[in-house]
C-alpha atoms as a PDB file:
ATOM      1  CA  MET A   1      66.267 109.229 -40.490  1.00  0.00           C
ATOM      2  CA  ILE A   2      66.006 111.503 -37.449  1.00  0.00           C
ATOM      3  CA  PRO A   3      65.579 109.745 -34.043  1.00  0.00           C
ATOM      4  CA  PHE A   4      62.052 111.101 -33.658  1.00  0.00           C
ATOM      5  CA  CYS A   5      60.931 108.946 -36.588  1.00  0.00           C
ATOM      6  CA  HIS A   6      62.542 105.816 -35.198  1.00  0.00           C
ATOM      7  CA  TRP A   7      62.137 106.359 -31.446  1.00  0.00           C
ATOM      8  CA  GLU A   8      61.275 102.685 -30.842  1.00  0.00           C
ATOM      9  CA  VAL A   9      64.919 101.833 -31.594  1.00  0.00           C
ATOM     10  CA  PHE A  10      66.063 103.997 -28.700  1.00  0.00           C
ATOM     11  CA  LYS A  11      63.674 102.562 -26.130  1.00  0.00           C
ATOM     12  CA  GLY A  12      65.768  99.431 -25.705  1.00  0.00           C
ATOM     13  CA  PRO A  13      64.497  95.963 -24.822  1.00  0.00           C
ATOM     14  CA  PRO A  14      61.596  95.733 -22.353  1.00  0.00           C
ATOM     15  CA  THR A  15      62.509  94.902 -18.772  1.00  0.00           C
ATOM     16  CA  HIS A  16      60.679  91.901 -17.344  1.00  0.00           C
ATOM     17  CA  THR A  17      60.279  90.250 -13.980  1.00  0.00           C
ATOM     18  CA  SER A  18      61.387  86.651 -13.464  1.00  0.00           C
ATOM     19  CA  GLY A  19      57.743  85.727 -14.084  1.00  0.00           C
ATOM     20  CA  GLY A  20      57.885  87.206 -17.578  1.00  0.00           C
ATOM     21  CA  ARG A  21      55.780  90.288 -16.828  1.00  0.00           C
ATOM     22  CA  PRO A  22      57.116  93.698 -17.871  1.00  0.00           C
ATOM     23  CA  VAL A  23      58.155  96.227 -15.241  1.00  0.00           C
ATOM     24  CA  ARG A  24      56.607  99.490 -16.395  1.00  0.00           C
ATOM     25  CA  TRP A  25      57.498 101.523 -13.323  1.00  0.00           C
ATOM     26  CA  ALA A  26      59.263 101.152  -9.984  1.00  0.00           C
ATOM     27  CA  ASP A  27      57.993 101.469  -6.440  1.00  0.00           C
ATOM     28  CA  TYR A  28      61.033 101.479  -4.177  1.00  0.00           C
ATOM     29  CA  PRO A  29      59.119 102.927  -1.189  1.00  0.00           C
ATOM     30  CA  LYS A  30      56.845  99.855  -1.154  1.00  0.00           C
ATOM     31  CA  LEU A  31      59.616  97.340  -1.845  1.00  0.00           C
ATOM     32  CA  VAL A  32      61.932  98.743   0.821  1.00  0.00           C
ATOM     33  CA  ASP A  33      59.076  98.763   3.333  1.00  0.00           C
ATOM     34  CA  LEU A  34      58.454  95.069   2.619  1.00  0.00           C
ATOM     35  CA  GLN A  35      62.163  94.293   2.961  1.00  0.00           C
ATOM     36  CA  THR A  36      62.646  96.052   6.277  1.00  0.00           C
ATOM     37  CA  ARG A  37      59.412  94.912   7.938  1.00  0.00           C
ATOM     38  CA  THR A  38      59.886  91.284   6.930  1.00  0.00           C
ATOM     39  CA  PHE A  39      63.558  90.932   7.725  1.00  0.00           C
ATOM     40  CA  ASP A  40      63.215  92.796  11.023  1.00  0.00           C
ATOM     41  CA  GLN A  41      60.783  90.053  11.989  1.00  0.00           C
ATOM     42  CA  LEU A  42      62.959  87.254  10.606  1.00  0.00           C
ATOM     43  CA  LEU A  43      66.019  88.590  12.436  1.00  0.00           C
ATOM     44  CA  ASP A  44      64.042  88.651  15.690  1.00  0.00           C
ATOM     45  CA  GLU A  45      63.039  85.034  15.074  1.00  0.00           C
ATOM     46  CA  SER A  46      66.629  84.043  14.318  1.00  0.00           C
ATOM     47  CA  VAL A  47      67.754  85.186  17.794  1.00  0.00           C
ATOM     48  CA  GLY A  48      65.735  82.426  19.435  1.00  0.00           C
ATOM     49  CA  GLY A  49      66.665  79.959  16.706  1.00  0.00           C
ATOM     50  CA  LYS A  50      70.370  79.924  17.536  1.00  0.00           C
ATOM     51  CA  GLY A  51      69.655  79.389  21.222  1.00  0.00           C
ATOM     52  CA  LEU A  52      67.268  76.565  20.398  1.00  0.00           C
ATOM     53  CA  ALA A  53      69.912  74.958  18.183  1.00  0.00           C
ATOM     54  CA  LEU A  54      72.283  74.847  21.156  1.00  0.00           C
ATOM     55  CA  GLU A  55      69.597  73.406  23.421  1.00  0.00           C
ATOM     56  CA  VAL A  56      68.780  70.703  20.867  1.00  0.00           C
ATOM     57  CA  LYS A  57      72.493  69.912  20.570  1.00  0.00           C
ATOM     58  CA  LYS A  58      72.770  69.398  24.325  1.00  0.00           C
ATOM     59  CA  ALA A  59      69.667  67.195  24.326  1.00  0.00           C
ATOM     60  CA  GLU A  60      71.223  65.162  21.507  1.00  0.00           C
ATOM     61  CA  MET A  61      74.315  64.511  23.627  1.00  0.00           C
ATOM     62  CA  ALA A  62      72.220  63.533  26.651  1.00  0.00           C
ATOM     63  CA  SER A  63      70.221  61.120  24.491  1.00  0.00           C
ATOM     64  CA  ASN A  64      73.475  59.519  23.367  1.00  0.00           C
ATOM     65  CA  ASP A  65      74.292  58.775  27.024  1.00  0.00           C
ATOM     66  CA  LEU A  66      70.812  57.300  27.424  1.00  0.00           C
ATOM     67  CA  ILE A  67      71.507  54.891  24.562  1.00  0.00           C
ATOM     68  CA  THR A  68      74.465  53.532  26.541  1.00  0.00           C
ATOM     69  CA  LEU A  69      72.234  52.866  29.577  1.00  0.00           C
ATOM     70  CA  VAL A  70      69.611  51.141  27.428  1.00  0.00           C
ATOM     71  CA  ARG A  71      72.120  48.818  25.745  1.00  0.00           C
ATOM     72  CA  VAL A  72      73.389  47.461  29.111  1.00  0.00           C
ATOM     73  CA  SER A  73      69.907  47.245  30.653  1.00  0.00           C
ATOM     74  CA  ASP A  74      67.610  44.233  31.148  1.00  0.00           C
ATOM     75  CA  LEU A  75      64.850  45.686  28.960  1.00  0.00           C
ATOM     76  CA  LYS A  76      63.447  43.047  26.613  1.00  0.00           C
ATOM     77  CA  SER A  77      63.235  45.571  23.792  1.00  0.00           C
ATOM     78  CA  ARG A  78      66.541  47.240  24.538  1.00  0.00           C
ATOM     79  CA  ASP A  79      67.841  46.771  20.983  1.00  0.00           C
ATOM     80  CA  GLN A  80      64.689  48.258  19.486  1.00  0.00           C
ATOM     81  CA  ILE A  81      64.679  51.132  21.962  1.00  0.00           C
ATOM     82  CA  ALA A  82      68.385  51.824  21.406  1.00  0.00           C
ATOM     83  CA  GLU A  83      67.879  51.774  17.637  1.00  0.00           C
ATOM     84  CA  ARG A  84      64.964  54.236  17.891  1.00  0.00           C
ATOM     85  CA  LEU A  85      66.979  56.458  20.228  1.00  0.00           C
ATOM     86  CA  GLY A  86      69.764  56.417  17.645  1.00  0.00           C
ATOM     87  CA  ARG A  87      67.325  57.718  15.028  1.00  0.00           C
ATOM     88  CA  PHE A  88      66.171  60.349  17.487  1.00  0.00           C
ATOM     89  CA  VAL A  89      69.779  61.464  18.001  1.00  0.00           C
ATOM     90  CA  ASP A  90      70.397  61.610  14.247  1.00  0.00           C
ATOM     91  CA  ASP A  91      67.335  63.790  13.659  1.00  0.00           C
ATOM     92  CA  ALA A  92      68.201  65.974  16.653  1.00  0.00           C
ATOM     93  CA  ARG A  93      71.648  66.490  15.096  1.00  0.00           C
ATOM     94  CA  GLY A  94      70.049  67.367  11.765  1.00  0.00           C
ATOM     95  CA  THR A  95      67.626  69.729  13.504  1.00  0.00           C
ATOM     96  CA  GLY A  96      70.423  71.624  15.230  1.00  0.00           C
ATOM     97  CA  ARG A  97      72.386  71.999  12.007  1.00  0.00           C
ATOM     98  CA  SER A  98      69.312  73.111  10.084  1.00  0.00           C
ATOM     99  CA  LEU A  99      68.363  75.705  12.714  1.00  0.00           C
ATOM    100  CA  HIS A 100      71.910  77.087  12.549  1.00  0.00           C
ATOM    101  CA  SER A 101      71.754  77.114   8.752  1.00  0.00           C
ATOM    102  CA  LEU A 102      68.367  78.861   8.732  1.00  0.00           C
ATOM    103  CA  GLY A 103      69.684  81.643  10.951  1.00  0.00           C
ATOM    104  CA  ALA A 104      72.814  82.005   8.837  1.00  0.00           C
ATOM    105  CA  LYS A 105      70.752  82.196   5.635  1.00  0.00           C
ATOM    106  CA  ILE A 106      68.538  84.920   7.138  1.00  0.00           C
ATOM    107  CA  HIS A 107      71.594  87.033   7.958  1.00  0.00           C
ATOM    108  CA  GLY A 108      73.047  86.237   4.540  1.00  0.00           C
ATOM    109  CA  ALA A 109      69.844  87.419   2.867  1.00  0.00           C
ATOM    110  CA  VAL A 110      70.004  90.697   4.787  1.00  0.00           C
ATOM    111  CA  ASP A 111      73.634  91.175   3.718  1.00  0.00           C
ATOM    112  CA  SER A 112      72.729  90.502   0.089  1.00  0.00           C
ATOM    113  CA  ILE A 113      69.702  92.821   0.094  1.00  0.00           C
ATOM    114  CA  THR A 114      71.659  95.589   1.815  1.00  0.00           C
ATOM    115  CA  SER A 115      74.498  95.252  -0.687  1.00  0.00           C
ATOM    116  CA  LEU A 116      72.115  95.354  -3.651  1.00  0.00           C
ATOM    117  CA  ASN A 117      70.320  98.370  -2.209  1.00  0.00           C
ATOM    118  CA  ASP A 118      73.669 100.148  -1.921  1.00  0.00           C
ATOM    119  CA  TYR A 119      74.386  99.267  -5.546  1.00  0.00           C
ATOM    120  CA  ALA A 120      70.952 100.512  -6.628  1.00  0.00           C
ATOM    121  CA  LEU A 121      71.503 103.781  -4.783  1.00  0.00           C
ATOM    122  CA  GLN A 122      74.875 104.367  -6.448  1.00  0.00           C
ATOM    123  CA  THR A 123      73.519 103.398  -9.883  1.00  0.00           C
ATOM    124  CA  ILE A 124      70.517 105.720  -9.653  1.00  0.00           C
ATOM    125  CA  GLU A 125      72.533 108.646  -8.339  1.00  0.00           C
ATOM    126  CA  ALA A 126      75.145 108.135 -11.076  1.00  0.00           C
ATOM    127  CA  ALA A 127      72.390 108.145 -13.714  1.00  0.00           C
ATOM    128  CA  LYS A 128      70.953 111.446 -12.522  1.00  0.00           C
ATOM    129  CA  VAL A 129      71.871 113.817 -15.369  1.00  0.00           C
ATOM    130  CA  PRO A 130      70.297 117.153 -16.251  1.00  0.00           C
ATOM    131  CA  THR A 131      67.598 116.871 -18.901  1.00  0.00           C
ATOM    132  CA  SER A 132      68.867 118.349 -22.142  1.00  0.00           C
ATOM    133  CA  LEU A 133      66.981 120.923 -24.187  1.00  0.00           C
ATOM    134  CA  ALA A 134      66.715 118.474 -27.091  1.00  0.00           C
ATOM    135  CA  ALA A 135      65.194 115.842 -24.803  1.00  0.00           C
ATOM    136  CA  ARG A 136      62.542 118.333 -23.735  1.00  0.00           C
ATOM    137  CA  VAL A 137      61.792 119.297 -27.338  1.00  0.00           C
ATOM    138  CA  LEU A 138      61.781 115.727 -28.670  1.00  0.00           C
ATOM    139  CA  PRO A 139      60.881 113.645 -25.583  1.00  0.00           C
ATOM    140  CA  LEU A 140      60.346 110.458 -27.565  1.00  0.00           C
ATOM    141  CA  SER A 141      63.730 110.496 -29.216  1.00  0.00           C
ATOM    142  CA  PHE A 142      65.794 110.178 -26.083  1.00  0.00           C
ATOM    143  CA  SER A 143      65.817 107.565 -23.355  1.00  0.00           C
ATOM    144  CA  ASN A 144      65.703 108.557 -19.705  1.00  0.00           C
ATOM    145  CA  PRO A 145      68.816 107.035 -18.096  1.00  0.00           C
ATOM    146  CA  THR A 146      67.654 107.784 -14.556  1.00  0.00           C
ATOM    147  CA  LYS A 147      64.293 106.106 -15.024  1.00  0.00           C
ATOM    148  CA  GLU A 148      65.954 103.155 -16.735  1.00  0.00           C
ATOM    149  CA  ALA A 149      68.382 102.800 -13.814  1.00  0.00           C
ATOM    150  CA  VAL A 150      65.515 102.868 -11.323  1.00  0.00           C
ATOM    151  CA  ILE A 151      63.552 100.188 -13.181  1.00  0.00           C
ATOM    152  CA  GLU A 152      66.613  97.996 -13.816  1.00  0.00           C
ATOM    153  CA  THR A 153      67.760  98.004 -10.197  1.00  0.00           C
ATOM    154  CA  PHE A 154      64.176  97.608  -8.971  1.00  0.00           C
ATOM    155  CA  LEU A 155      63.830  94.475 -11.098  1.00  0.00           C
ATOM    156  CA  MET A 156      67.116  93.126  -9.727  1.00  0.00           C
ATOM    157  CA  SER A 157      65.940  93.785  -6.162  1.00  0.00           C
ATOM    158  CA  MET A 158      62.652  91.936  -6.653  1.00  0.00           C
ATOM    159  CA  ASP A 159      64.375  88.942  -8.252  1.00  0.00           C
ATOM    160  CA  ASN A 160      66.976  88.944  -5.479  1.00  0.00           C
ATOM    161  CA  ILE A 161      64.439  88.883  -2.674  1.00  0.00           C
ATOM    162  CA  GLY A 162      62.521  86.166  -4.519  1.00  0.00           C
ATOM    163  CA  SER A 163      65.568  83.899  -4.703  1.00  0.00           C
ATOM    164  CA  HIS A 164      66.314  84.404  -1.000  1.00  0.00           C
ATOM    165  CA  MET A 165      62.720  83.593  -0.072  1.00  0.00           C
ATOM    166  CA  ALA A 166      62.966  80.305  -1.973  1.00  0.00           C
ATOM    167  CA  ARG A 167      66.199  79.300  -0.190  1.00  0.00           C
ATOM    168  CA  LEU A 168      64.849  80.256   3.234  1.00  0.00           C
ATOM    169  CA  ARG A 169      61.628  78.324   2.651  1.00  0.00           C
ATOM    170  CA  ASP A 170      63.602  75.232   1.640  1.00  0.00           C
ATOM    171  CA  GLU A 171      65.756  75.436   4.772  1.00  0.00           C
ATOM    172  CA  ALA A 172      62.732  75.976   7.034  1.00  0.00           C
ATOM    173  CA  GLU A 173      60.944  72.998   5.472  1.00  0.00           C
ATOM    174  CA  ILE A 174      63.994  70.825   6.183  1.00  0.00           C
ATOM    175  CA  SER A 175      63.981  71.931   9.828  1.00  0.00           C
ATOM    176  CA  MET A 176      60.276  71.207  10.124  1.00  0.00           C
ATOM    177  CA  GLY A 177      60.801  67.719   8.731  1.00  0.00           C
ATOM    178  CA  HIS A 178      63.426  66.955  11.388  1.00  0.00           C
ATOM    179  CA  LEU A 179      61.226  68.320  14.175  1.00  0.00           C
ATOM    180  CA  LEU A 180      58.191  66.315  13.090  1.00  0.00           C
ATOM    181  CA  ARG A 181      60.319  63.165  12.953  1.00  0.00           C
ATOM    182  CA  LEU A 182      61.521  63.847  16.521  1.00  0.00           C
ATOM    183  CA  GLU A 183      57.878  63.833  17.592  1.00  0.00           C
ATOM    184  CA  GLN A 184      57.314  60.500  15.856  1.00  0.00           C
ATOM    185  CA  HIS A 185      60.402  58.989  17.513  1.00  0.00           C
ATOM    186  CA  LEU A 186      59.064  59.997  20.943  1.00  0.00           C
ATOM    187  CA  VAL A 187      55.695  58.402  20.179  1.00  0.00           C
ATOM    188  CA  VAL A 188      57.299  55.103  19.114  1.00  0.00           C
ATOM    189  CA  LEU A 189      59.663  55.100  22.096  1.00  0.00           C
ATOM    190  CA  HIS A 190      56.710  55.583  24.416  1.00  0.00           C
ATOM    191  CA  GLU A 191      54.789  52.694  22.828  1.00  0.00           C
ATOM    192  CA  VAL A 192      57.723  50.270  22.845  1.00  0.00           C
ATOM    193  CA  SER A 193      58.891  51.137  26.377  1.00  0.00           C
ATOM    194  CA  HIS A 194      55.389  51.019  27.844  1.00  0.00           C
ATOM    195  CA  ARG A 195      54.771  47.638  26.236  1.00  0.00           C
ATOM    196  CA  ASP A 196      58.127  46.314  27.413  1.00  0.00           C
ATOM    197  CA  ASN A 197      57.761  47.274  31.060  1.00  0.00           C
ATOM    198  CA  LYS A 198      54.570  48.331  32.773  1.00  0.00           C
ATOM    199  CA  ASP A 199      56.589  50.370  35.254  1.00  0.00           C
ATOM    200  CA  LEU A 200      57.274  52.866  32.472  1.00  0.00           C
ATOM    201  CA  LYS A 201      53.978  54.743  32.503  1.00  0.00           C
ATOM    202  CA  ALA A 202      55.154  58.183  31.405  1.00  0.00           C
ATOM    203  CA  GLU A 203      53.487  60.182  28.700  1.00  0.00           C
ATOM    204  CA  LYS A 204      55.471  60.478  25.474  1.00  0.00           C
ATOM    205  CA  GLU A 205      56.737  63.928  26.528  1.00  0.00           C
ATOM    206  CA  ASP A 206      58.426  62.377  29.586  1.00  0.00           C
ATOM    207  CA  ILE A 207      59.477  59.006  28.203  1.00  0.00           C
ATOM    208  CA  LEU A 208      63.182  59.880  27.941  1.00  0.00           C
ATOM    209  CA  VAL A 209      63.230  61.107  31.537  1.00  0.00           C
ATOM    210  CA  GLU A 210      61.472  58.002  32.822  1.00  0.00           C
ATOM    211  CA  LEU A 211      63.801  55.724  30.893  1.00  0.00           C
ATOM    212  CA  TRP A 212      66.783  57.544  32.368  1.00  0.00           C
ATOM    213  CA  THR A 213      65.352  57.363  35.887  1.00  0.00           C
ATOM    214  CA  TRP A 214      64.169  53.750  35.665  1.00  0.00           C
ATOM    215  CA  LEU A 215      67.550  52.606  34.351  1.00  0.00           C
ATOM    216  CA  GLY A 216      69.287  54.221  37.292  1.00  0.00           C
ATOM    217  CA  GLY A 217      70.993  57.042  35.434  1.00  0.00           C
ATOM    218  CA  ASN A 218      69.987  59.583  38.039  1.00  0.00           C
ATOM    219  CA  LYS A 219      71.328  57.591  40.971  1.00  0.00           C
ATOM    220  CA  ASN A 220      74.798  58.781  40.164  1.00  0.00           C
ATOM    221  CA  LYS A 221      75.104  62.256  41.676  1.00  0.00           C
ATOM    222  CA  LEU A 222      77.790  63.316  39.281  1.00  0.00           C
ATOM    223  CA  ARG A 223      76.971  66.688  37.840  1.00  0.00           C
ATOM    224  CA  LYS A 224      76.899  65.398  34.274  1.00  0.00           C
ATOM    225  CA  MET A 225      74.196  62.881  35.165  1.00  0.00           C
ATOM    226  CA  ASP A 226      72.070  65.550  36.813  1.00  0.00           C
ATOM    227  CA  LEU A 227      72.517  67.823  33.808  1.00  0.00           C
ATOM    228  CA  ASN A 228      71.525  65.024  31.447  1.00  0.00           C
ATOM    229  CA  LEU A 229      68.357  64.395  33.424  1.00  0.00           C
ATOM    230  CA  ASP A 230      67.456  68.089  33.271  1.00  0.00           C
ATOM    231  CA  LEU A 231      68.153  68.190  29.540  1.00  0.00           C
ATOM    232  CA  LEU A 232      65.966  65.172  28.850  1.00  0.00           C
ATOM    233  CA  LYS A 233      63.155  66.731  30.869  1.00  0.00           C
ATOM    234  CA  ASN A 234      63.183  69.633  28.427  1.00  0.00           C
ATOM    235  CA  VAL A 235      63.522  67.768  25.119  1.00  0.00           C
ATOM    236  CA  GLU A 236      59.861  68.109  24.175  1.00  0.00           C
ATOM    237  CA  LYS A 237      59.780  71.734  25.307  1.00  0.00           C
ATOM    238  CA  TYR A 238      62.732  72.563  23.065  1.00  0.00           C
ATOM    239  CA  ARG A 239      61.155  70.641  20.191  1.00  0.00           C
ATOM    240  CA  ARG A 240      57.861  72.538  20.499  1.00  0.00           C
ATOM    241  CA  LYS A 241      59.631  75.899  20.743  1.00  0.00           C
ATOM    242  CA  ALA A 242      61.818  75.115  17.732  1.00  0.00           C
ATOM    243  CA  LEU A 243      58.775  74.019  15.738  1.00  0.00           C
ATOM    244  CA  ALA A 244      56.963  77.246  16.628  1.00  0.00           C
ATOM    245  CA  HIS A 245      60.039  79.215  15.532  1.00  0.00           C
ATOM    246  CA  VAL A 246      60.182  77.440  12.166  1.00  0.00           C
ATOM    247  CA  VAL A 247      56.435  77.764  11.586  1.00  0.00           C
ATOM    248  CA  ALA A 248      56.597  81.504  12.358  1.00  0.00           C
ATOM    249  CA  THR A 249      59.492  81.885   9.905  1.00  0.00           C
ATOM    250  CA  LEU A 250      57.575  80.063   7.176  1.00  0.00           C
ATOM    251  CA  GLN A 251      54.472  82.158   7.810  1.00  0.00           C
ATOM    252  CA  THR A 252      56.527  85.355   7.523  1.00  0.00           C
ATOM    253  CA  LEU A 253      58.049  84.140   4.242  1.00  0.00           C
ATOM    254  CA  HIS A 254      54.651  83.211   2.806  1.00  0.00           C
ATOM    255  CA  THR A 255      53.338  86.662   3.726  1.00  0.00           C
ATOM    256  CA  LEU A 256      56.335  88.312   2.065  1.00  0.00           C
ATOM    257  CA  ASP A 257      55.863  86.110  -1.002  1.00  0.00           C
ATOM    258  CA  ALA A 258      52.241  87.227  -1.332  1.00  0.00           C
ATOM    259  CA  ASN A 259      53.168  90.887  -0.880  1.00  0.00           C
ATOM    260  CA  VAL A 260      55.974  90.724  -3.447  1.00  0.00           C
ATOM    261  CA  GLU A 261      53.669  88.988  -5.910  1.00  0.00           C
ATOM    262  CA  GLU A 262      51.110  91.756  -5.448  1.00  0.00           C
ATOM    263  CA  LEU A 263      53.854  94.320  -6.017  1.00  0.00           C
ATOM    264  CA  ARG A 264      54.981  92.540  -9.195  1.00  0.00           C
ATOM    265  CA  THR A 265      51.419  92.741 -10.497  1.00  0.00           C
ATOM    266  CA  ARG A 266      51.171  96.446  -9.724  1.00  0.00           C
ATOM    267  CA  VAL A 267      54.425  97.461 -11.389  1.00  0.00           C
ATOM    268  CA  ALA A 268      53.607  95.388 -14.473  1.00  0.00           C
ATOM    269  CA  ALA A 269      50.547  97.580 -15.144  1.00  0.00           C
ATOM    270  CA  PRO A 270      50.585 101.221 -16.271  1.00  0.00           C
ATOM    271  CA  ASP A 271      50.174 103.482 -13.280  1.00  0.00           C
ATOM    272  CA  ILE A 272      49.987 107.238 -13.610  1.00  0.00           C
ATOM    273  CA  VAL A 273      50.812 107.884  -9.958  1.00  0.00           C
ATOM    274  CA  GLY A 274      53.496 105.225  -9.627  1.00  0.00           C
ATOM    275  CA  ASP A 275      55.227 106.331 -12.795  1.00  0.00           C
ATOM    276  CA  LYS A 276      55.535 109.811 -11.320  1.00  0.00           C
ATOM    277  CA  ILE A 277      57.207 108.878  -8.048  1.00  0.00           C
ATOM    278  CA  PRO A 278      60.063 111.396  -7.842  1.00  0.00           C
ATOM    279  CA  ILE A 279      63.596 110.050  -8.079  1.00  0.00           C
ATOM    280  CA  GLU A 280      64.379 111.720  -4.745  1.00  0.00           C
ATOM    281  CA  VAL A 281      61.675 109.601  -3.079  1.00  0.00           C
ATOM    282  CA  HIS A 282      63.213 106.397  -4.443  1.00  0.00           C
ATOM    283  CA  ILE A 283      66.655 107.466  -3.230  1.00  0.00           C
ATOM    284  CA  LYS A 284      65.388 108.471   0.216  1.00  0.00           C
ATOM    285  CA  SER A 285      63.539 105.150   0.615  1.00  0.00           C
ATOM    286  CA  ILE A 286      66.605 103.098  -0.345  1.00  0.00           C
ATOM    287  CA  LYS A 287      68.864 105.010   2.049  1.00  0.00           C
ATOM    288  CA  ALA A 288      66.421 104.585   4.931  1.00  0.00           C
ATOM    289  CA  GLY A 289      66.030 100.877   4.137  1.00  0.00           C
ATOM    290  CA  VAL A 290      69.767 100.251   4.124  1.00  0.00           C
ATOM    291  CA  GLU A 291      70.185 101.922   7.514  1.00  0.00           C
ATOM    292  CA  ARG A 292      67.257 100.064   9.044  1.00  0.00           C
ATOM    293  CA  LEU A 293      68.442  96.672   7.798  1.00  0.00           C
ATOM    294  CA  LYS A 294      71.944  97.285   9.149  1.00  0.00           C
ATOM    295  CA  GLU A 295      70.612  98.426  12.524  1.00  0.00           C
ATOM    296  CA  GLY A 296      68.273  95.431  12.747  1.00  0.00           C
ATOM    297  CA  GLN A 297      71.100  93.030  11.977  1.00  0.00           C
ATOM    298  CA  MET A 298      73.332  94.594  14.629  1.00  0.00           C
ATOM    299  CA  ARG A 299      70.581  94.361  17.248  1.00  0.00           C
ATOM    300  CA  ALA A 300      69.904  90.726  16.362  1.00  0.00           C
ATOM    301  CA  SER A 301      73.614  89.828  16.541  1.00  0.00           C
ATOM    302  CA  LEU A 302      73.967  91.400  19.997  1.00  0.00           C
ATOM    303  CA  ARG A 303      70.878  89.601  21.271  1.00  0.00           C
ATOM    304  CA  GLN A 304      72.155  86.310  19.875  1.00  0.00           C
ATOM    305  CA  GLU A 305      75.471  86.736  21.662  1.00  0.00           C
ATOM    306  CA  GLU A 306      73.660  87.453  24.927  1.00  0.00           C
ATOM    307  CA  ARG A 307      71.401  84.412  24.503  1.00  0.00           C
ATOM    308  CA  VAL A 308      74.289  82.068  23.714  1.00  0.00           C
ATOM    309  CA  ALA A 309      76.263  83.423  26.691  1.00  0.00           C
ATOM    310  CA  GLN A 310      73.297  82.732  28.972  1.00  0.00           C
ATOM    311  CA  ILE A 311      73.005  79.135  27.758  1.00  0.00           C
ATOM    312  CA  LEU A 312      76.739  78.484  28.088  1.00  0.00           C
ATOM    313  CA  GLU A 313      76.804  80.074  31.548  1.00  0.00           C
ATOM    314  CA  ILE A 314      74.213  77.573  32.734  1.00  0.00           C
ATOM    315  CA  ASP A 315      76.581  74.746  31.822  1.00  0.00           C
ATOM    316  CA  THR A 316      79.586  76.196  33.660  1.00  0.00           C
END
């Protein structure tokens, strides 16, 4: 009846990853390194994303003004062109919202990971209790609360980062869909406009500008008209930059996904070295990770504010 004879009862239920594999040991140094390296990169990407969202929003508004010029023009295909421009505006609106949402979700993921790391740190430190004499004499009869806390919080951290990766990938895929549709709208507009009037010979990248110019929109020297012309000149440039931003974000997430999967495989297998990582090393890694994530988020927020101020200053 003594615990030594029934030590399996005291081991508790096995801890498993979301993929069903058991976590036999924790590797916070590796996990925290993945967190900080990946989200430092994602935060850097998000700085440009917010600026691009504003640029796309301005291009959307300029395209709306172009629709008005097309509807009152003598173009034979004015209804078709206006309808396609309307789709372009709708997808530009969706692109801007999605880019904003992607940036917000990146910052939200950092907040969540930082909060969970703080919780893990407090849980592990609270579980640090001196090893009793009985536990040293009968090591199988007593659980190790500190080790259990490390493994439990480590499992929570891996599942947490996995859920955030899935949400970020979904948002990035939505943004990419909008951006690819913008490209298709430009292609169709170029084909229809070129067929309708041989004077419109612009490449697809310049079709909005040529439409604006040919319809007389730039003859009015009002500042708004000049700004609209400049915005339409840059539509394709903004689209390409936004697409590159989204692709880079997706690539970073896929790399993180592969690294986390490799880590899950490692901690699901017995590892003599990994199982002996000192508690102090886990604690030190978590503390350093929390500080680095917070510093990276502050830097990204300051850079975003500067970028937005620059864009708004151009309009004033």
